Amino acid sequence: MGEEPVAVGLIGAGPWATMVHAPVLAAGPETRLAGVWARRPEAASRLATRHGAVACDRIEQLLDKCEAVAFAVPPEVQADLAAVAVGAGKSVLLEKPIAADLPGAERLTDAVGEAGVASMVVLSWRYAASIRSFLAEAATFDALGGRGSFVSGALLGGPFATPWRLERGALPDLGPHVIDLLDAALGRVVGVRAHGRSLGWVGLLLDHDNGCASEASLCASTAVEPQRASVELFGPAGVVEVDCVPAVDAAAFATLRREFAAAVRGSPHPLDIHRGLHLQRILADAESQLAAAR
């Protein structure tokens, strides 16, 4: 007989929780959705009922029902509630950015370390087969540098035009995906120079620890349909590239579920909270540069 599925509680009942977290975790077989808690009880009840789970009135009730917690809430909410979860000994599946600011990310990372629980960040591109094939090819490609972009109209309206995104723009929302993939493909990012406007077009120049350089372009305020996202590497042998938009499919989220369950059961994952903290440090530096240039 195999292991019992990991009982995962879900905090949040908004669009991302509805479209991804709840159905993916409930589908199993590696996990089961043990309960849902949200600021709006009626939303939590609807989502829980749809997936055969329990709607919880209090976070403490949710924690009693699970061994891990998934979050689909704004960064400032996630950091505080995740600290409560890890304090109760629960592993955590975190959204990016992992906190609203760098001090919050550092505190949460410390809390995870002190609790000795597993963590994983939903950098959704990285669970896709085509992205992993791209990174495998990148590992043997003599790259001089690269570029990445993520352009959408998310801030013009729709389910993801949420208050924190409308306040802070594309950098903390779209930026982690592009920075993470350039970092994984070209070497650890050790410096960033940012220009542009947070609610308009943001450009990043990234320095990598092996001497490579890359560029990232981010915007969530243009009427482009469908959204566009890609990463390209260039070298003497030519180009290695990947289209990131079609990469993330049902199979990618099934991989995420399987690997999160394995992390909870004791197999550390490279996309853990330390990866989230590394990205948060780059974001914080870039955001401070954009703010200073206003």
Protein backbone atom coordinates (compact mmCIF):
# COMPACT_ATOMS: atom_id res chain seq x y z
CA MET A 1 0.00 0.00 0.00
CA GLY A 2 1.20 3.52 -0.77
CA GLU A 3 1.44 6.44 1.60
CA GLU A 4 -1.66 8.29 2.66
CA PRO A 5 -2.19 11.53 0.70
CA VAL A 6 -0.89 14.68 2.36
CA ALA A 7 -3.74 16.57 4.01
CA VAL A 8 -3.44 20.16 2.77
CA GLY A 9 -5.42 23.11 4.05
CA LEU A 10 -6.01 26.06 1.73
CA ILE A 11 -5.97 29.70 2.85
CA GLY A 12 -7.70 31.88 0.30
CA ALA A 13 -10.72 31.48 -1.98
CA GLY A 14 -10.06 34.03 -4.72
CA PRO A 15 -9.46 33.48 -8.45
CA TRP A 16 -6.09 31.71 -8.18
CA ALA A 17 -7.31 29.46 -5.36
CA THR A 18 -10.41 28.64 -7.39
CA MET A 19 -8.62 28.01 -10.69
CA VAL A 20 -5.49 26.27 -9.42
CA HIS A 21 -4.97 25.49 -5.74
CA ALA A 22 -8.27 23.89 -4.84
CA PRO A 23 -8.76 21.68 -7.92
CA VAL A 24 -5.10 20.66 -8.09
CA LEU A 25 -4.83 19.73 -4.41
CA ALA A 26 -8.22 17.99 -4.39
CA ALA A 27 -7.42 15.91 -7.47
CA GLY A 28 -4.69 13.90 -5.74
CA PRO A 29 -3.61 11.21 -5.43
CA GLU A 30 -0.61 12.66 -3.61
CA THR A 31 -2.68 15.21 -1.71
CA ARG A 32 -6.21 15.78 -0.52
CA LEU A 33 -7.87 19.11 0.19
CA ALA A 34 -8.59 18.95 3.91
CA GLY A 35 -10.22 22.35 4.38
CA VAL A 36 -10.52 25.93 3.20
CA TRP A 37 -10.37 29.17 5.17
CA ALA A 38 -10.81 32.63 3.68
CA ARG A 39 -11.59 36.14 4.85
CA ARG A 40 -14.98 35.78 3.17
CA PRO A 41 -16.72 32.76 4.73
CA GLU A 42 -19.21 32.44 1.89
CA ALA A 43 -16.39 32.14 -0.67
CA ALA A 44 -14.61 29.55 1.44
CA SER A 45 -17.83 27.57 1.78
CA ARG A 46 -18.52 27.57 -1.97
CA LEU A 47 -14.98 26.48 -2.82
CA ALA A 48 -14.81 23.80 -0.15
CA THR A 49 -18.18 22.35 -1.15
CA ARG A 50 -17.15 22.19 -4.80
CA HIS A 51 -14.17 20.01 -3.92
CA GLY A 52 -15.55 17.90 -1.10
CA ALA A 53 -13.65 19.71 1.62
CA VAL A 54 -14.62 21.46 4.85
CA ALA A 55 -15.00 25.23 5.15
CA CYS A 56 -13.32 26.37 8.36
CA ASP A 57 -14.50 29.29 10.47
CA ARG A 58 -11.09 29.88 12.04
CA ILE A 59 -7.51 29.36 10.94
CA GLU A 60 -6.92 27.26 14.04
CA GLN A 61 -9.65 24.89 12.88
CA LEU A 62 -7.96 24.56 9.50
CA LEU A 63 -4.58 23.84 11.10
CA ASP A 64 -6.12 21.05 13.15
CA LYS A 65 -7.23 19.31 9.95
CA CYS A 66 -4.01 19.36 7.93
CA GLU A 67 -0.28 18.71 7.87
CA ALA A 68 0.50 21.34 5.23
CA VAL A 69 -1.01 24.65 4.18
CA ALA A 70 -1.24 26.22 0.72
CA PHE A 71 -1.65 29.98 0.36
CA ALA A 72 -3.50 31.98 -2.29
CA VAL A 73 -3.61 35.41 -0.65
CA PRO A 74 -1.78 38.75 -1.07
CA PRO A 75 1.89 38.79 -0.03
CA GLU A 76 1.41 40.83 3.14
CA VAL A 77 -1.31 38.45 4.31
CA GLN A 78 0.65 35.35 3.33
CA ALA A 79 3.74 36.26 5.36
CA ASP A 80 1.80 36.69 8.61
CA LEU A 81 -0.45 33.67 8.23
CA ALA A 82 2.36 31.41 7.01
CA ALA A 83 4.30 32.26 10.16
CA VAL A 84 1.32 31.03 12.18
CA ALA A 85 1.16 27.84 10.11
CA VAL A 86 4.85 26.97 10.43
CA GLY A 87 4.67 27.79 14.13
CA ALA A 88 2.07 25.04 14.35
CA GLY A 89 4.45 22.65 12.57
CA LYS A 90 2.79 22.78 9.14
CA SER A 91 4.67 22.67 5.85
CA VAL A 92 3.83 25.51 3.48
CA LEU A 93 3.15 25.99 -0.24
CA LEU A 94 3.77 29.69 -0.88
CA GLU A 95 2.91 32.15 -3.60
CA LYS A 96 5.45 34.63 -4.93
CA PRO A 97 6.57 37.06 -3.70
CA ILE A 98 6.74 35.26 -0.38
CA ALA A 99 6.11 38.49 1.59
CA ALA A 100 5.25 42.13 1.03
CA ASP A 101 8.82 43.24 1.68
CA LEU A 102 12.30 41.91 2.34
CA PRO A 103 12.19 42.05 6.16
CA GLY A 104 8.95 40.08 6.08
CA ALA A 105 10.51 37.51 3.76
CA GLU A 106 13.54 37.18 6.02
CA ARG A 107 11.36 36.69 9.12
CA LEU A 108 9.29 34.03 7.40
CA THR A 109 12.40 32.22 6.17
CA ASP A 110 13.78 32.21 9.69
CA ALA A 111 10.47 30.87 11.02
CA VAL A 112 10.46 28.02 8.50
CA GLY A 113 14.01 27.14 9.44
CA GLU A 114 13.30 27.20 13.16
CA ALA A 115 10.20 25.03 12.72
CA GLY A 116 12.04 22.54 10.51
CA VAL A 117 9.09 22.21 8.13
CA ALA A 118 9.08 21.84 4.35
CA SER A 119 8.41 24.76 2.02
CA MET A 120 7.88 25.23 -1.70
CA VAL A 121 7.14 28.27 -3.87
CA VAL A 122 4.63 28.22 -6.73
CA LEU A 123 6.97 29.42 -9.47
CA SER A 124 4.60 27.76 -11.92
CA TRP A 125 6.86 27.83 -15.01
CA ARG A 126 9.43 25.64 -13.28
CA TYR A 127 7.10 22.66 -12.96
CA ALA A 128 6.47 22.50 -16.71
CA ALA A 129 8.13 19.85 -18.87
CA SER A 130 9.18 22.27 -21.63
CA ILE A 131 10.78 24.63 -19.11
CA ARG A 132 12.73 21.76 -17.58
CA SER A 133 13.87 20.68 -21.04
CA PHE A 134 14.98 24.27 -21.71
CA LEU A 135 17.01 24.34 -18.49
CA ALA A 136 18.59 20.97 -19.27
CA GLU A 137 19.70 22.34 -22.64
CA ALA A 138 20.88 25.58 -21.01
CA ALA A 139 23.13 23.60 -18.67
CA THR A 140 25.33 22.55 -21.60
CA PHE A 141 24.93 25.73 -23.70
CA ASP A 142 27.79 28.23 -23.77
CA ALA A 143 25.71 31.34 -23.22
CA LEU A 144 26.97 34.90 -23.45
CA GLY A 145 23.75 36.27 -22.05
CA GLY A 146 20.03 36.28 -22.46
CA ARG A 147 16.75 38.11 -22.23
CA GLY A 148 13.32 37.41 -20.88
CA SER A 149 9.96 39.12 -21.04
CA PHE A 150 6.51 38.85 -19.55
CA VAL A 151 3.88 41.16 -21.01
CA SER A 152 0.16 41.07 -20.25
CA GLY A 153 -2.91 43.20 -19.69
CA ALA A 154 -3.67 41.84 -16.22
CA LEU A 155 -3.77 45.27 -14.58
CA LEU A 156 -6.31 46.62 -17.08
CA GLY A 157 -9.11 44.56 -15.54
CA GLY A 158 -10.18 41.04 -14.75
CA PRO A 159 -9.62 38.70 -11.82
CA PHE A 160 -5.95 39.59 -11.28
CA ALA A 161 -6.35 43.37 -11.18
CA THR A 162 -6.20 43.10 -7.39
CA PRO A 163 -5.30 45.93 -4.99
CA TRP A 164 -1.72 44.86 -4.29
CA ARG A 165 -0.96 44.36 -7.98
CA LEU A 166 -2.56 47.68 -8.92
CA GLU A 167 -0.45 49.39 -6.27
CA ARG A 168 2.90 47.76 -7.06
CA GLY A 169 2.67 46.82 -10.73
CA ALA A 170 4.28 44.05 -12.73
CA LEU A 171 7.63 43.75 -10.96
CA PRO A 172 6.63 41.77 -7.83
CA ASP A 173 3.99 39.75 -9.67
CA LEU A 174 5.53 38.87 -13.05
CA GLY A 175 9.14 39.57 -12.16
CA PRO A 176 9.78 36.47 -10.02
CA HIS A 177 9.00 34.17 -12.95
CA VAL A 178 11.39 35.85 -15.39
CA ILE A 179 14.18 36.53 -12.89
CA ASP A 180 14.00 32.98 -11.56
CA LEU A 181 14.27 31.43 -15.01
CA LEU A 182 17.13 33.68 -16.14
CA ASP A 183 18.89 32.93 -12.84
CA ALA A 184 18.42 29.18 -13.27
CA ALA A 185 19.57 29.25 -16.90
CA LEU A 186 22.51 31.67 -16.74
CA GLY A 187 23.77 31.60 -13.15
CA ARG A 188 22.88 33.20 -9.85
CA VAL A 189 21.84 36.84 -10.13
CA VAL A 190 24.19 39.00 -8.05
CA GLY A 191 23.17 42.48 -9.20
CA VAL A 192 20.25 44.34 -10.72
CA ARG A 193 19.71 47.73 -12.30
CA ALA A 194 16.10 48.80 -12.80
CA HIS A 195 14.44 51.49 -14.87
CA GLY A 196 10.97 52.42 -16.00
CA ARG A 197 7.70 52.83 -14.10
CA SER A 198 6.23 50.27 -11.73
CA LEU A 199 2.75 50.58 -13.26
CA GLY A 200 4.08 50.86 -16.80
CA TRP A 201 7.08 49.19 -18.42
CA VAL A 202 9.87 47.89 -16.18
CA GLY A 203 13.29 46.97 -17.50
CA LEU A 204 15.91 45.07 -15.53
CA LEU A 205 19.61 44.54 -16.27
CA LEU A 206 20.80 41.48 -14.38
CA ASP A 207 24.39 40.53 -13.55
CA HIS A 208 25.07 36.83 -13.03
CA ASP A 209 27.80 35.35 -10.86
CA ASN A 210 29.59 33.76 -13.83
CA GLY A 211 29.95 37.00 -15.76
CA CYS A 212 26.87 36.60 -17.93
CA ALA A 213 24.40 39.45 -18.25
CA SER A 214 20.70 39.41 -19.09
CA GLU A 215 17.76 41.70 -19.58
CA ALA A 216 14.18 41.35 -18.36
CA SER A 217 11.16 43.31 -19.61
CA LEU A 218 7.94 43.35 -17.59
CA CYS A 219 4.57 44.97 -18.15
CA ALA A 220 1.03 44.13 -17.07
CA SER A 221 -0.65 47.27 -18.41
CA THR A 222 -0.84 46.73 -22.15
CA ALA A 223 -3.79 45.36 -24.11
CA VAL A 224 -2.03 42.35 -25.55
CA GLU A 225 -3.96 39.11 -26.01
CA PRO A 226 -2.84 36.50 -25.37
CA GLN A 227 -0.15 37.38 -22.86
CA ARG A 228 3.43 36.90 -23.97
CA ALA A 229 6.29 35.42 -21.99
CA SER A 230 9.56 33.93 -23.15
CA VAL A 231 13.23 33.50 -22.29
CA GLU A 232 16.09 33.37 -24.80
CA LEU A 233 19.77 32.55 -24.34
CA PHE A 234 22.39 33.58 -26.89
CA GLY A 235 25.89 32.21 -27.48
CA PRO A 236 28.42 31.34 -30.20
CA ALA A 237 26.40 28.23 -31.09
CA GLY A 238 23.17 30.14 -31.60
CA VAL A 239 20.09 30.50 -29.43
CA VAL A 240 18.17 28.41 -26.92
CA GLU A 241 14.66 29.65 -26.21
CA VAL A 242 11.35 28.73 -24.63
CA ASP A 243 7.81 30.09 -24.90
CA CYS A 244 6.59 30.14 -21.31
CA VAL A 245 2.89 30.83 -21.88
CA PRO A 246 1.82 27.41 -23.23
CA ALA A 247 4.28 25.61 -20.95
CA VAL A 248 2.10 25.75 -17.84
CA ASP A 249 -0.65 23.18 -18.22
CA ALA A 250 -2.46 20.57 -16.14
CA ALA A 251 0.62 18.33 -16.22
CA ALA A 252 2.76 21.10 -14.74
CA PHE A 253 0.41 21.54 -11.80
CA ALA A 254 0.27 17.78 -11.31
CA THR A 255 4.07 17.84 -11.05
CA LEU A 256 3.85 20.67 -8.53
CA ARG A 257 1.40 18.66 -6.43
CA ARG A 258 3.52 15.52 -6.56
CA GLU A 259 6.73 17.35 -5.65
CA PHE A 260 5.10 19.29 -2.83
CA ALA A 261 3.81 16.06 -1.31
CA ALA A 262 7.32 14.60 -1.59
CA ALA A 263 8.76 17.68 0.12
CA VAL A 264 6.30 17.34 2.99
CA ARG A 265 7.30 13.68 3.32
CA GLY A 266 10.98 14.61 3.59
CA SER A 267 12.45 15.23 0.11
CA PRO A 268 13.79 18.82 0.05
CA HIS A 269 12.88 20.84 -3.03
CA PRO A 270 15.13 23.38 -4.78
CA LEU A 271 12.25 25.85 -5.10
CA ASP A 272 11.89 26.23 -1.35
CA ILE A 273 11.59 29.37 0.75
CA HIS A 274 15.28 30.14 0.31
CA ARG A 275 14.66 30.42 -3.43
CA GLY A 276 11.79 32.78 -2.64
CA LEU A 277 14.04 34.87 -0.38
CA HIS A 278 16.74 35.11 -3.07
CA LEU A 279 14.17 36.44 -5.54
CA GLN A 280 12.71 38.80 -2.94
CA ARG A 281 16.14 40.39 -2.40
CA ILE A 282 16.42 41.12 -6.12
CA LEU A 283 12.87 42.50 -6.22
CA ALA A 284 13.50 44.74 -3.20
CA ASP A 285 16.63 46.21 -4.78
CA ALA A 286 14.85 46.83 -8.08
CA GLU A 287 11.77 48.35 -6.44
CA SER A 288 13.91 50.72 -4.38
CA GLN A 289 15.65 51.89 -7.55
CA LEU A 290 12.35 52.54 -9.30
CA ALA A 291 11.06 54.46 -6.27
CA ALA A 292 14.22 56.59 -6.08
CA ALA A 293 13.93 57.51 -9.76
CA ARG A 294 10.40 58.90 -9.49
